[in-house]
Amino acid sequence: MRPHHITLLGDSILDNKLYSRRRRCVTEHLRAKVHDRQGWACTNCAVDGAVLSGVHSQIESVPDDSTVLVLSVGGNDGLQMLGMLQHEGMSVHRVISKIRSIFGEFRVRYEALLDKLLKDKPLPLIIC
């Protein structure tokens, strides 16, 4: 039987130990689920607070024996971009225009990350 190795990439959605307090974090939940299965492992490369550009360095930390990747990132980018919409006196037209611009920029950066990830680590990818 081929071993399975789940590797987590992204932000605090997956690296949530700080927020889970005394309860299990995502990594601990996954490890508990696969504990009794021969040859299964789980590695957390995700970093609390990470943005899209920060995942590029996480890719370098993916273990060579990984068999599947899980990615959850973008929330912190969204929070950073939210500030661009919080100017008083912006017209509805300007807000909509800004949202389109933010969406376009985010999409380009997300697609670039996925392209790099799939090129550098051609493994099954689960996107959350």
Protein backbone atom coordinates (compact mmCIF):
# COMPACT_ATOMS: atom_id res chain seq x y z
CA MET A 1 0.00 0.00 0.00
CA ARG A 2 1.35 3.42 -1.01
CA PRO A 3 1.85 5.76 1.97
CA HIS A 4 -0.19 8.95 2.12
CA HIS A 5 1.22 12.26 3.30
CA ILE A 6 -1.10 15.26 3.62
CA THR A 7 0.66 18.64 3.61
CA LEU A 8 -1.12 21.82 4.66
CA LEU A 9 -0.29 25.20 3.09
CA GLY A 10 -1.74 28.64 3.69
CA ASP A 11 -2.81 30.73 6.64
CA SER A 12 -4.50 30.42 10.05
CA ILE A 13 -7.45 28.50 8.65
CA LEU A 14 -5.04 25.54 8.67
CA ASP A 15 -2.42 26.80 11.15
CA ASN A 16 -4.93 27.48 13.90
CA LYS A 17 -3.19 26.13 17.03
CA LEU A 18 -3.19 29.61 18.60
CA TYR A 19 -6.97 29.90 18.18
CA SER A 20 -8.00 26.38 19.16
CA ARG A 21 -6.67 26.87 22.70
CA ARG A 22 -6.99 23.57 24.57
CA ARG A 23 -8.86 21.85 21.76
CA ARG A 24 -7.28 20.13 18.78
CA CYS A 25 -6.08 22.27 15.92
CA VAL A 26 -6.55 21.22 12.27
CA THR A 27 -3.21 19.40 12.15
CA GLU A 28 -3.96 17.51 15.35
CA HIS A 29 -7.42 16.54 14.05
CA LEU A 30 -5.95 15.19 10.83
CA ARG A 31 -3.21 13.32 12.65
CA ALA A 32 -5.79 11.75 14.98
CA LYS A 33 -7.93 10.71 12.00
CA VAL A 34 -5.04 9.02 10.18
CA HIS A 35 -3.25 7.68 13.27
CA ASP A 36 -4.56 4.14 12.92
CA ARG A 37 -3.98 4.02 9.18
CA GLN A 38 -0.66 2.48 8.26
CA GLY A 39 1.56 4.82 6.26
CA TRP A 40 -0.41 8.04 6.73
CA ALA A 41 1.20 11.32 7.83
CA CYS A 42 0.27 15.01 8.08
CA THR A 43 2.64 18.00 7.92
CA ASN A 44 1.64 21.59 8.59
CA CYS A 45 3.56 24.11 6.47
CA ALA A 46 0.81 26.73 6.84
CA VAL A 47 1.61 29.90 8.80
CA ASP A 48 -0.83 32.04 10.76
CA GLY A 49 -1.11 35.44 9.08
CA ALA A 50 0.21 34.27 5.71
CA VAL A 51 -0.82 36.04 2.52
CA LEU A 52 -0.68 34.70 -1.03
CA SER A 53 2.95 35.76 -1.53
CA GLY A 54 3.93 34.03 1.73
CA VAL A 55 2.84 30.62 0.47
CA HIS A 56 5.69 30.67 -2.06
CA SER A 57 8.19 30.07 0.77
CA GLN A 58 5.92 27.39 2.27
CA ILE A 59 6.15 25.44 -1.00
CA GLU A 60 9.88 25.03 -0.39
CA SER A 61 9.06 23.31 2.94
CA VAL A 62 6.77 20.66 1.46
CA PRO A 63 8.22 17.25 2.34
CA ASP A 64 9.42 15.20 -0.63
CA ASP A 65 7.14 12.31 0.32
CA SER A 66 3.95 14.41 0.28
CA THR A 67 1.15 12.84 -1.72
CA VAL A 68 -1.57 15.49 -1.42
CA LEU A 69 -1.58 19.23 -0.72
CA VAL A 70 -4.27 21.24 1.04
CA LEU A 71 -4.32 25.02 0.44
CA SER A 72 -6.31 27.66 2.27
CA VAL A 73 -5.12 31.23 1.78
CA GLY A 74 -6.46 34.64 0.78
CA GLY A 75 -8.35 35.84 3.83
CA ASN A 76 -5.47 37.99 5.06
CA ASP A 77 -5.04 39.44 1.57
CA GLY A 78 -8.73 40.34 1.64
CA LEU A 79 -8.39 42.02 5.00
CA GLN A 80 -5.45 44.08 3.71
CA MET A 81 -7.38 45.09 0.61
CA LEU A 82 -10.45 46.02 2.65
CA GLY A 83 -8.68 49.19 3.74
CA MET A 84 -8.85 50.41 0.13
CA LEU A 85 -12.64 50.58 0.43
CA GLN A 86 -12.81 52.42 3.73
CA HIS A 87 -12.39 55.98 2.51
CA GLU A 88 -15.18 58.36 3.41
CA GLY A 89 -16.82 60.15 0.57
CA MET A 90 -16.30 57.43 -2.03
CA SER A 91 -19.14 57.29 -4.51
CA VAL A 92 -20.93 54.02 -5.21
CA HIS A 93 -19.39 54.03 -8.69
CA ARG A 94 -15.90 54.44 -7.22
CA VAL A 95 -16.47 51.64 -4.68
CA ILE A 96 -17.66 49.25 -7.40
CA SER A 97 -14.71 50.19 -9.59
CA LYS A 98 -12.33 49.61 -6.71
CA ILE A 99 -13.90 46.20 -5.94
CA ARG A 100 -13.41 45.17 -9.58
CA SER A 101 -9.79 46.26 -9.42
CA ILE A 102 -9.19 44.42 -6.12
CA PHE A 103 -10.84 41.27 -7.49
CA GLY A 104 -8.73 41.38 -10.66
CA GLU A 105 -5.50 41.86 -8.71
CA PHE A 106 -6.37 39.09 -6.26
CA ARG A 107 -7.26 36.69 -9.07
CA VAL A 108 -3.96 37.30 -10.89
CA ARG A 109 -1.95 36.71 -7.69
CA TYR A 110 -3.98 33.59 -6.74
CA GLU A 111 -3.60 32.09 -10.22
CA ALA A 112 0.16 32.79 -10.13
CA LEU A 113 0.40 30.97 -6.80
CA LEU A 114 -1.56 27.97 -8.13
CA ASP A 115 0.62 27.87 -11.27
CA LYS A 116 3.80 27.84 -9.15
CA LEU A 117 2.42 25.28 -6.73
CA LEU A 118 1.29 22.89 -9.45
CA LYS A 119 4.57 23.34 -11.37
CA ASP A 120 6.85 22.88 -8.33
CA LYS A 121 4.73 20.20 -6.62
CA PRO A 122 2.63 18.34 -9.21
CA LEU A 123 0.43 16.61 -6.64
CA PRO A 124 -3.31 16.37 -6.04
CA LEU A 125 -4.42 19.71 -4.59
CA ILE A 126 -7.37 20.44 -2.34
CA ILE A 127 -8.30 24.13 -2.25
CA CYS A 128 -10.35 25.33 0.71
